Amino acid sequence: MLEAASRRILYLRVAAQNLKQAEAHDLALQLMEKAEAMDRDVQEGKKRLAAEMQKVHGGDSGPNILRELKEEIERLRAEVKELRQKVEKR
C-alpha cells in the first residue's frame, strides 16, 4: 500500500511538471501541493507501521526495520527534492 502511494505521488509530480511545461502553473502548483500532502501522509504511515512492527516483534528486528524505513524516507526525500528542482527549472 505504501509503495502504491509512493508511485501515485511520483505520477502526480510528473503530471505537475507536464502542466508547468504547458504553462498551467496553477494546476501544477495544486498537484505539487497534493503530492507533498500525500508524501507527508506516507511518511506518517511508515512511522506508525515501524512503531507497530517494533511492538509486535518486541524490539528484536525493530532496529532493522526502523533503519530500512529511515533509508526509504531519505530516498524518497531525495527523489522529492530532485523532482521539485526539475519543476522549478521549467
PDB file of N, CA and C in Angstrom:
ATOM      1  N   MET A   1       0.816  -1.193   0.000  1.00  0.00           N
ATOM      2  CA  MET A   1       0.000   0.000   0.000  1.00  0.00           C
ATOM      3  C   MET A   1       0.866   1.265   0.000  1.00  0.00           C
ATOM      4  N   LEU A   2       1.889   1.273   0.851  1.00  0.00           N
ATOM      5  CA  LEU A   2       2.764   2.447   0.885  1.00  0.00           C
ATOM      6  C   LEU A   2       3.533   2.593  -0.424  1.00  0.00           C
ATOM      7  N   GLU A   3       3.884   1.459  -1.015  1.00  0.00           N
ATOM      8  CA  GLU A   3       4.596   1.502  -2.291  1.00  0.00           C
ATOM      9  C   GLU A   3       3.697   2.081  -3.388  1.00  0.00           C
ATOM     10  N   ALA A   4       2.439   1.681  -3.382  1.00  0.00           N
ATOM     11  CA  ALA A   4       1.484   2.208  -4.373  1.00  0.00           C
ATOM     12  C   ALA A   4       1.288   3.708  -4.165  1.00  0.00           C
ATOM     13  N   ALA A   5       1.224   4.137  -2.926  1.00  0.00           N
ATOM     14  CA  ALA A   5       1.073   5.563  -2.634  1.00  0.00           C
ATOM     15  C   ALA A   5       2.296   6.333  -3.121  1.00  0.00           C
ATOM     16  N   SER A   6       3.467   5.759  -2.950  1.00  0.00           N
ATOM     17  CA  SER A   6       4.695   6.411  -3.418  1.00  0.00           C
ATOM     18  C   SER A   6       4.687   6.552  -4.937  1.00  0.00           C
ATOM     19  N   ARG A   7       4.172   5.530  -5.626  1.00  0.00           N
ATOM     20  CA  ARG A   7       4.073   5.614  -7.089  1.00  0.00           C
ATOM     21  C   ARG A   7       3.092   6.706  -7.499  1.00  0.00           C
ATOM     22  N   ARG A   8       1.952   6.793  -6.806  1.00  0.00           N
ATOM     23  CA  ARG A   8       0.971   7.827  -7.134  1.00  0.00           C
ATOM     24  C   ARG A   8       1.564   9.217  -6.919  1.00  0.00           C
ATOM     25  N   ILE A   9       2.343   9.363  -5.862  1.00  0.00           N
ATOM     26  CA  ILE A   9       2.997  10.647  -5.597  1.00  0.00           C
ATOM     27  C   ILE A   9       3.926  11.001  -6.755  1.00  0.00           C
ATOM     28  N   LEU A  10       4.687  10.028  -7.207  1.00  0.00           N
ATOM     29  CA  LEU A  10       5.598  10.261  -8.334  1.00  0.00           C
ATOM     30  C   LEU A  10       4.808  10.673  -9.579  1.00  0.00           C
ATOM     31  N   TYR A  11       3.719   9.974  -9.853  1.00  0.00           N
ATOM     32  CA  TYR A  11       2.900  10.305 -11.024  1.00  0.00           C
ATOM     33  C   TYR A  11       2.317  11.710 -10.920  1.00  0.00           C
ATOM     34  N   LEU A  12       1.900  12.103  -9.726  1.00  0.00           N
ATOM     35  CA  LEU A  12       1.384  13.457  -9.548  1.00  0.00           C
ATOM     36  C   LEU A  12       2.462  14.488  -9.834  1.00  0.00           C
ATOM     37  N   ARG A  13       3.658  14.217  -9.394  1.00  0.00           N
ATOM     38  CA  ARG A  13       4.753  15.162  -9.613  1.00  0.00           C
ATOM     39  C   ARG A  13       5.113  15.260 -11.096  1.00  0.00           C
ATOM     40  N   VAL A  14       5.105  14.122 -11.766  1.00  0.00           N
ATOM     41  CA  VAL A  14       5.371  14.137 -13.203  1.00  0.00           C
ATOM     42  C   VAL A  14       4.277  14.921 -13.918  1.00  0.00           C
ATOM     43  N   ALA A  15       3.028  14.689 -13.521  1.00  0.00           N
ATOM     44  CA  ALA A  15       1.913  15.430 -14.120  1.00  0.00           C
ATOM     45  C   ALA A  15       2.073  16.924 -13.862  1.00  0.00           C
ATOM     46  N   ALA A  16       2.519  17.283 -12.667  1.00  0.00           N
ATOM     47  CA  ALA A  16       2.730  18.691 -12.341  1.00  0.00           C
ATOM     48  C   ALA A  16       3.807  19.292 -13.241  1.00  0.00           C
ATOM     49  N   GLN A  17       4.861  18.517 -13.503  1.00  0.00           N
ATOM     50  CA  GLN A  17       5.904  19.004 -14.405  1.00  0.00           C
ATOM     51  C   GLN A  17       5.334  19.255 -15.794  1.00  0.00           C
ATOM     52  N   ASN A  18       4.515  18.324 -16.261  1.00  0.00           N
ATOM     53  CA  ASN A  18       3.922  18.480 -17.593  1.00  0.00           C
ATOM     54  C   ASN A  18       2.996  19.690 -17.635  1.00  0.00           C
ATOM     55  N   LEU A  19       2.232  19.894 -16.586  1.00  0.00           N
ATOM     56  CA  LEU A  19       1.344  21.056 -16.537  1.00  0.00           C
ATOM     57  C   LEU A  19       2.141  22.360 -16.514  1.00  0.00           C
ATOM     58  N   LYS A  20       3.244  22.331 -15.797  1.00  0.00           N
ATOM     59  CA  LYS A  20       4.079  23.536 -15.763  1.00  0.00           C
ATOM     60  C   LYS A  20       4.637  23.831 -17.145  1.00  0.00           C
ATOM     61  N   GLN A  21       5.040  22.791 -17.864  1.00  0.00           N
ATOM     62  CA  GLN A  21       5.535  22.976 -19.233  1.00  0.00           C
ATOM     63  C   GLN A  21       4.432  23.515 -20.138  1.00  0.00           C
ATOM     64  N   ALA A  22       3.200  23.132 -19.848  1.00  0.00           N
ATOM     65  CA  ALA A  22       2.061  23.605 -20.636  1.00  0.00           C
ATOM     66  C   ALA A  22       1.588  24.976 -20.145  1.00  0.00           C
ATOM     67  N   GLU A  23       2.360  25.546 -19.239  1.00  0.00           N
ATOM     68  CA  GLU A  23       2.073  26.860 -18.651  1.00  0.00           C
ATOM     69  C   GLU A  23       0.744  26.898 -17.901  1.00  0.00           C
ATOM     70  N   ALA A  24       0.383  25.770 -17.323  1.00  0.00           N
ATOM     71  CA  ALA A  24      -0.789  25.693 -16.446  1.00  0.00           C
ATOM     72  C   ALA A  24      -0.250  25.687 -15.011  1.00  0.00           C
ATOM     73  N   HIS A  25       0.331  26.803 -14.630  1.00  0.00           N
ATOM     74  CA  HIS A  25       1.058  26.885 -13.364  1.00  0.00           C
ATOM     75  C   HIS A  25       0.161  26.661 -12.146  1.00  0.00           C
ATOM     76  N   ASP A  26      -1.058  27.155 -12.178  1.00  0.00           N
ATOM     77  CA  ASP A  26      -1.960  26.972 -11.044  1.00  0.00           C
ATOM     78  C   ASP A  26      -2.258  25.491 -10.812  1.00  0.00           C
ATOM     79  N   LEU A  27      -2.545  24.788 -11.887  1.00  0.00           N
ATOM     80  CA  LEU A  27      -2.820  23.362 -11.759  1.00  0.00           C
ATOM     81  C   LEU A  27      -1.572  22.604 -11.316  1.00  0.00           C
ATOM     82  N   ALA A  28      -0.431  22.999 -11.854  1.00  0.00           N
ATOM     83  CA  ALA A  28       0.829  22.355 -11.468  1.00  0.00           C
ATOM     84  C   ALA A  28       1.076  22.546  -9.974  1.00  0.00           C
ATOM     85  N   LEU A  29       0.846  23.752  -9.486  1.00  0.00           N
ATOM     86  CA  LEU A  29       1.037  24.026  -8.063  1.00  0.00           C
ATOM     87  C   LEU A  29       0.082  23.197  -7.217  1.00  0.00           C
ATOM     88  N   GLN A  30      -1.165  23.078  -7.646  1.00  0.00           N
ATOM     89  CA  GLN A  30      -2.139  22.285  -6.899  1.00  0.00           C
ATOM     90  C   GLN A  30      -1.700  20.821  -6.817  1.00  0.00           C
ATOM     91  N   LEU A  31      -1.227  20.289  -7.927  1.00  0.00           N
ATOM     92  CA  LEU A  31      -0.772  18.896  -7.918  1.00  0.00           C
ATOM     93  C   LEU A  31       0.457  18.709  -7.044  1.00  0.00           C
ATOM     94  N   MET A  32       1.383  19.659  -7.088  1.00  0.00           N
ATOM     95  CA  MET A  32       2.571  19.552  -6.239  1.00  0.00           C
ATOM     96  C   MET A  32       2.186  19.596  -4.765  1.00  0.00           C
ATOM     97  N   GLU A  33       1.241  20.466  -4.424  1.00  0.00           N
ATOM     98  CA  GLU A  33       0.784  20.554  -3.037  1.00  0.00           C
ATOM     99  C   GLU A  33       0.113  19.252  -2.611  1.00  0.00           C
ATOM    100  N   LYS A  34      -0.692  18.675  -3.505  1.00  0.00           N
ATOM    101  CA  LYS A  34      -1.344  17.409  -3.196  1.00  0.00           C
ATOM    102  C   LYS A  34      -0.299  16.312  -3.019  1.00  0.00           C
ATOM    103  N   ALA A  35       0.700  16.286  -3.895  1.00  0.00           N
ATOM    104  CA  ALA A  35       1.762  15.278  -3.803  1.00  0.00           C
ATOM    105  C   ALA A  35       2.529  15.424  -2.491  1.00  0.00           C
ATOM    106  N   GLU A  36       2.811  16.651  -2.085  1.00  0.00           N
ATOM    107  CA  GLU A  36       3.525  16.868  -0.828  1.00  0.00           C
ATOM    108  C   GLU A  36       2.690  16.426   0.365  1.00  0.00           C
ATOM    109  N   ALA A  37       1.377  16.700   0.331  1.00  0.00           N
ATOM    110  CA  ALA A  37       0.496  16.259   1.414  1.00  0.00           C
ATOM    111  C   ALA A  37       0.448  14.731   1.473  1.00  0.00           C
ATOM    112  N   MET A  38       0.373  14.099   0.311  1.00  0.00           N
ATOM    113  CA  MET A  38       0.378  12.643   0.263  1.00  0.00           C
ATOM    114  C   MET A  38       1.700  12.086   0.777  1.00  0.00           C
ATOM    115  N   ASP A  39       2.797  12.745   0.437  1.00  0.00           N
ATOM    116  CA  ASP A  39       4.111  12.312   0.896  1.00  0.00           C
ATOM    117  C   ASP A  39       4.189  12.381   2.419  1.00  0.00           C
ATOM    118  N   ARG A  40       3.660  13.459   2.987  1.00  0.00           N
ATOM    119  CA  ARG A  40       3.639  13.556   4.451  1.00  0.00           C
ATOM    120  C   ARG A  40       2.821  12.427   5.060  1.00  0.00           C
ATOM    121  N   ASP A  41       1.685  12.122   4.452  1.00  0.00           N
ATOM    122  CA  ASP A  41       0.852  11.024   4.953  1.00  0.00           C
ATOM    123  C   ASP A  41       1.583   9.693   4.878  1.00  0.00           C
ATOM    124  N   VAL A  42       2.297   9.469   3.785  1.00  0.00           N
ATOM    125  CA  VAL A  42       3.064   8.231   3.635  1.00  0.00           C
ATOM    126  C   VAL A  42       4.140   8.150   4.718  1.00  0.00           C
ATOM    127  N   GLN A  43       4.825   9.264   4.947  1.00  0.00           N
ATOM    128  CA  GLN A  43       5.874   9.265   5.975  1.00  0.00           C
ATOM    129  C   GLN A  43       5.289   8.955   7.353  1.00  0.00           C
ATOM    130  N   GLU A  44       4.146   9.559   7.666  1.00  0.00           N
ATOM    131  CA  GLU A  44       3.498   9.289   8.950  1.00  0.00           C
ATOM    132  C   GLU A  44       3.079   7.828   9.037  1.00  0.00           C
ATOM    133  N   GLY A  45       2.558   7.290   7.936  1.00  0.00           N
ATOM    134  CA  GLY A  45       2.160   5.887   7.904  1.00  0.00           C
ATOM    135  C   GLY A  45       3.337   4.961   8.136  1.00  0.00           C
ATOM    136  N   LYS A  46       4.462   5.299   7.536  1.00  0.00           N
ATOM    137  CA  LYS A  46       5.659   4.486   7.731  1.00  0.00           C
ATOM    138  C   LYS A  46       6.121   4.518   9.182  1.00  0.00           C
ATOM    139  N   LYS A  47       6.036   5.681   9.792  1.00  0.00           N
ATOM    140  CA  LYS A  47       6.427   5.780  11.199  1.00  0.00           C
ATOM    141  C   LYS A  47       5.512   4.944  12.079  1.00  0.00           C
ATOM    142  N   ARG A  48       4.190   5.014  11.806  1.00  0.00           N
ATOM    143  CA  ARG A  48       3.240   4.222  12.586  1.00  0.00           C
ATOM    144  C   ARG A  48       3.480   2.728  12.376  1.00  0.00           C
ATOM    145  N   LEU A  49       3.737   2.344  11.127  1.00  0.00           N
ATOM    146  CA  LEU A  49       3.999   0.950  10.809  1.00  0.00           C
ATOM    147  C   LEU A  49       5.250   0.461  11.533  1.00  0.00           C
ATOM    148  N   ALA A  50       6.278   1.275  11.535  1.00  0.00           N
ATOM    149  CA  ALA A  50       7.521   0.897  12.223  1.00  0.00           C
ATOM    150  C   ALA A  50       7.269   0.732  13.713  1.00  0.00           C
ATOM    151  N   ALA A  51       6.476   1.624  14.282  1.00  0.00           N
ATOM    152  CA  ALA A  51       6.169   1.521  15.711  1.00  0.00           C
ATOM    153  C   ALA A  51       5.383   0.249  16.003  1.00  0.00           C
ATOM    154  N   GLU A  52       4.423  -0.066  15.159  1.00  0.00           N
ATOM    155  CA  GLU A  52       3.633  -1.289  15.338  1.00  0.00           C
ATOM    156  C   GLU A  52       4.501  -2.529  15.186  1.00  0.00           C
ATOM    157  N   MET A  53       5.374  -2.513  14.199  1.00  0.00           N
ATOM    158  CA  MET A  53       6.255  -3.665  13.986  1.00  0.00           C
ATOM    159  C   MET A  53       7.176  -3.872  15.182  1.00  0.00           C
ATOM    160  N   GLN A  54       7.628  -2.789  15.744  1.00  0.00           N
ATOM    161  CA  GLN A  54       8.511  -2.904  16.899  1.00  0.00           C
ATOM    162  C   GLN A  54       7.753  -3.488  18.087  1.00  0.00           C
ATOM    163  N   LYS A  55       6.494  -3.094  18.257  1.00  0.00           N
ATOM    164  CA  LYS A  55       5.678  -3.653  19.334  1.00  0.00           C
ATOM    165  C   LYS A  55       5.480  -5.148  19.139  1.00  0.00           C
ATOM    166  N   VAL A  56       5.156  -5.541  17.917  1.00  0.00           N
ATOM    167  CA  VAL A  56       4.869  -6.941  17.606  1.00  0.00           C
ATOM    168  C   VAL A  56       6.101  -7.810  17.794  1.00  0.00           C
ATOM    169  N   HIS A  57       7.246  -7.329  17.354  1.00  0.00           N
ATOM    170  CA  HIS A  57       8.464  -8.133  17.388  1.00  0.00           C
ATOM    171  C   HIS A  57       9.284  -7.924  18.662  1.00  0.00           C
ATOM    172  N   GLY A  58       8.790  -7.153  19.567  1.00  0.00           N
ATOM    173  CA  GLY A  58       9.489  -6.964  20.831  1.00  0.00           C
ATOM    174  C   GLY A  58      10.836  -6.306  20.717  1.00  0.00           C
ATOM    175  N   GLY A  59      11.075  -5.620  19.638  1.00  0.00           N
ATOM    176  CA  GLY A  59      12.322  -4.873  19.502  1.00  0.00           C
ATOM    177  C   GLY A  59      13.464  -5.652  18.894  1.00  0.00           C
ATOM    178  N   ASP A  60      13.303  -6.982  18.681  1.00  0.00           N
ATOM    179  CA  ASP A  60      14.399  -7.760  18.104  1.00  0.00           C
ATOM    180  C   ASP A  60      14.754  -7.280  16.701  1.00  0.00           C
ATOM    181  N   SER A  61      13.752  -7.189  15.853  1.00  0.00           N
ATOM    182  CA  SER A  61      14.030  -6.754  14.490  1.00  0.00           C
ATOM    183  C   SER A  61      13.640  -5.302  14.285  1.00  0.00           C
ATOM    184  N   GLY A  62      13.144  -4.661  15.319  1.00  0.00           N
ATOM    185  CA  GLY A  62      12.719  -3.265  15.231  1.00  0.00           C
ATOM    186  C   GLY A  62      13.797  -2.339  14.699  1.00  0.00           C
ATOM    187  N   PRO A  63      14.997  -2.414  15.241  1.00  0.00           N
ATOM    188  CA  PRO A  63      16.050  -1.519  14.744  1.00  0.00           C
ATOM    189  C   PRO A  63      16.323  -1.701  13.243  1.00  0.00           C
ATOM    190  N   ASN A  64      16.270  -2.951  12.772  1.00  0.00           N
ATOM    191  CA  ASN A  64      16.493  -3.191  11.339  1.00  0.00           C
ATOM    192  C   ASN A  64      15.374  -2.600  10.504  1.00  0.00           C
ATOM    193  N   ILE A  65      14.147  -2.813  10.939  1.00  0.00           N
ATOM    194  CA  ILE A  65      13.003  -2.267  10.208  1.00  0.00           C
ATOM    195  C   ILE A  65      13.053  -0.757  10.243  1.00  0.00           C
ATOM    196  N   LEU A  66      13.328  -0.200  11.388  1.00  0.00           N
ATOM    197  CA  LEU A  66      13.406   1.244  11.527  1.00  0.00           C
ATOM    198  C   LEU A  66      14.502   1.815  10.633  1.00  0.00           C
ATOM    199  N   ARG A  67      15.647   1.155  10.604  1.00  0.00           N
ATOM    200  CA  ARG A  67      16.752   1.592   9.744  1.00  0.00           C
ATOM    201  C   ARG A  67      16.330   1.562   8.284  1.00  0.00           C
ATOM    202  N   GLU A  68      15.668   0.471   7.877  1.00  0.00           N
ATOM    203  CA  GLU A  68      15.220   0.355   6.489  1.00  0.00           C
ATOM    204  C   GLU A  68      14.206   1.440   6.150  1.00  0.00           C
ATOM    205  N   LEU A  69      13.302   1.709   7.066  1.00  0.00           N
ATOM    206  CA  LEU A  69      12.305   2.751   6.824  1.00  0.00           C
ATOM    207  C   LEU A  69      12.961   4.124   6.731  1.00  0.00           C
ATOM    208  N   LYS A  70      13.933   4.375   7.577  1.00  0.00           N
ATOM    209  CA  LYS A  70      14.642   5.650   7.515  1.00  0.00           C
ATOM    210  C   LYS A  70      15.380   5.805   6.186  1.00  0.00           C
ATOM    211  N   GLU A  71      15.978   4.716   5.715  1.00  0.00           N
ATOM    212  CA  GLU A  71      16.658   4.758   4.418  1.00  0.00           C
ATOM    213  C   GLU A  71      15.661   5.048   3.301  1.00  0.00           C
ATOM    214  N   GLU A  72      14.485   4.415   3.372  1.00  0.00           N
ATOM    215  CA  GLU A  72      13.449   4.645   2.362  1.00  0.00           C
ATOM    216  C   GLU A  72      12.964   6.088   2.420  1.00  0.00           C
ATOM    217  N   ILE A  73      12.812   6.619   3.609  1.00  0.00           N
ATOM    218  CA  ILE A  73      12.389   8.018   3.770  1.00  0.00           C
ATOM    219  C   ILE A  73      13.415   8.939   3.135  1.00  0.00           C
ATOM    220  N   GLU A  74      14.680   8.697   3.385  1.00  0.00           N
ATOM    221  CA  GLU A  74      15.731   9.537   2.816  1.00  0.00           C
ATOM    222  C   GLU A  74      15.755   9.427   1.290  1.00  0.00           C
ATOM    223  N   ARG A  75      15.533   8.209   0.777  1.00  0.00           N
ATOM    224  CA  ARG A  75      15.489   8.021  -0.671  1.00  0.00           C
ATOM    225  C   ARG A  75      14.321   8.803  -1.268  1.00  0.00           C
ATOM    226  N   LEU A  76      13.170   8.745  -0.617  1.00  0.00           N
ATOM    227  CA  LEU A  76      12.004   9.485  -1.109  1.00  0.00           C
ATOM    228  C   LEU A  76      12.212  10.989  -1.013  1.00  0.00           C
ATOM    229  N   ARG A  77      12.831  11.439   0.062  1.00  0.00           N
ATOM    230  CA  ARG A  77      13.113  12.873   0.200  1.00  0.00           C
ATOM    231  C   ARG A  77      14.036  13.355  -0.912  1.00  0.00           C
ATOM    232  N   ALA A  78      15.048  12.561  -1.224  1.00  0.00           N
ATOM    233  CA  ALA A  78      15.965  12.932  -2.305  1.00  0.00           C
ATOM    234  C   ALA A  78      15.221  12.975  -3.638  1.00  0.00           C
ATOM    235  N   GLU A  79      14.324  12.015  -3.828  1.00  0.00           N
ATOM    236  CA  GLU A  79      13.533  11.989  -5.059  1.00  0.00           C
ATOM    237  C   GLU A  79      12.616  13.206  -5.143  1.00  0.00           C
ATOM    238  N   VAL A  80      11.994  13.563  -4.027  1.00  0.00           N
ATOM    239  CA  VAL A  80      11.125  14.741  -3.981  1.00  0.00           C
ATOM    240  C   VAL A  80      11.927  15.995  -4.294  1.00  0.00           C
ATOM    241  N   LYS A  81      13.108  16.091  -3.708  1.00  0.00           N
ATOM    242  CA  LYS A  81      13.957  17.256  -3.938  1.00  0.00           C
ATOM    243  C   LYS A  81      14.348  17.361  -5.409  1.00  0.00           C
ATOM    244  N   GLU A  82      14.725  16.237  -5.990  1.00  0.00           N
ATOM    245  CA  GLU A  82      15.113  16.228  -7.401  1.00  0.00           C
ATOM    246  C   GLU A  82      13.946  16.636  -8.296  1.00  0.00           C
ATOM    247  N   LEU A  83      12.787  16.091  -8.021  1.00  0.00           N
ATOM    248  CA  LEU A  83      11.615  16.424  -8.831  1.00  0.00           C
ATOM    249  C   LEU A  83      11.217  17.881  -8.662  1.00  0.00           C
ATOM    250  N   ARG A  84      11.305  18.385  -7.445  1.00  0.00           N
ATOM    251  CA  ARG A  84      10.971  19.793  -7.193  1.00  0.00           C
ATOM    252  C   ARG A  84      11.916  20.701  -7.977  1.00  0.00           C
ATOM    253  N   GLN A  85      13.200  20.340  -7.999  1.00  0.00           N
ATOM    254  CA  GLN A  85      14.168  21.141  -8.738  1.00  0.00           C
ATOM    255  C   GLN A  85      13.870  21.106 -10.234  1.00  0.00           C
ATOM    256  N   LYS A  86      13.462  19.954 -10.745  1.00  0.00           N
ATOM    257  CA  LYS A  86      13.122  19.847 -12.156  1.00  0.00           C
ATOM    258  C   LYS A  86      11.911  20.710 -12.480  1.00  0.00           C
ATOM    259  N   VAL A  87      10.928  20.705 -11.603  1.00  0.00           N
ATOM    260  CA  VAL A  87       9.725  21.507 -11.829  1.00  0.00           C
ATOM    261  C   VAL A  87      10.058  22.996 -11.792  1.00  0.00           C
ATOM    262  N   GLU A  88      10.903  23.392 -10.865  1.00  0.00           N
ATOM    263  CA  GLU A  88      11.255  24.799 -10.727  1.00  0.00           C
ATOM    264  C   GLU A  88      12.101  25.308 -11.892  1.00  0.00           C
ATOM    265  N   LYS A  89      12.867  24.434 -12.530  1.00  0.00           N
ATOM    266  CA  LYS A  89      13.706  24.831 -13.663  1.00  0.00           C
ATOM    267  C   LYS A  89      12.897  25.121 -14.911  1.00  0.00           C
ATOM    268  N   ARG A  90      11.672  24.586 -14.956  1.00  0.00           N
ATOM    269  CA  ARG A  90      10.869  24.740 -16.168  1.00  0.00           C
ATOM    270  C   ARG A  90       9.981  25.919 -16.109  1.00  0.00           C
TER     271      ARG A  90
END
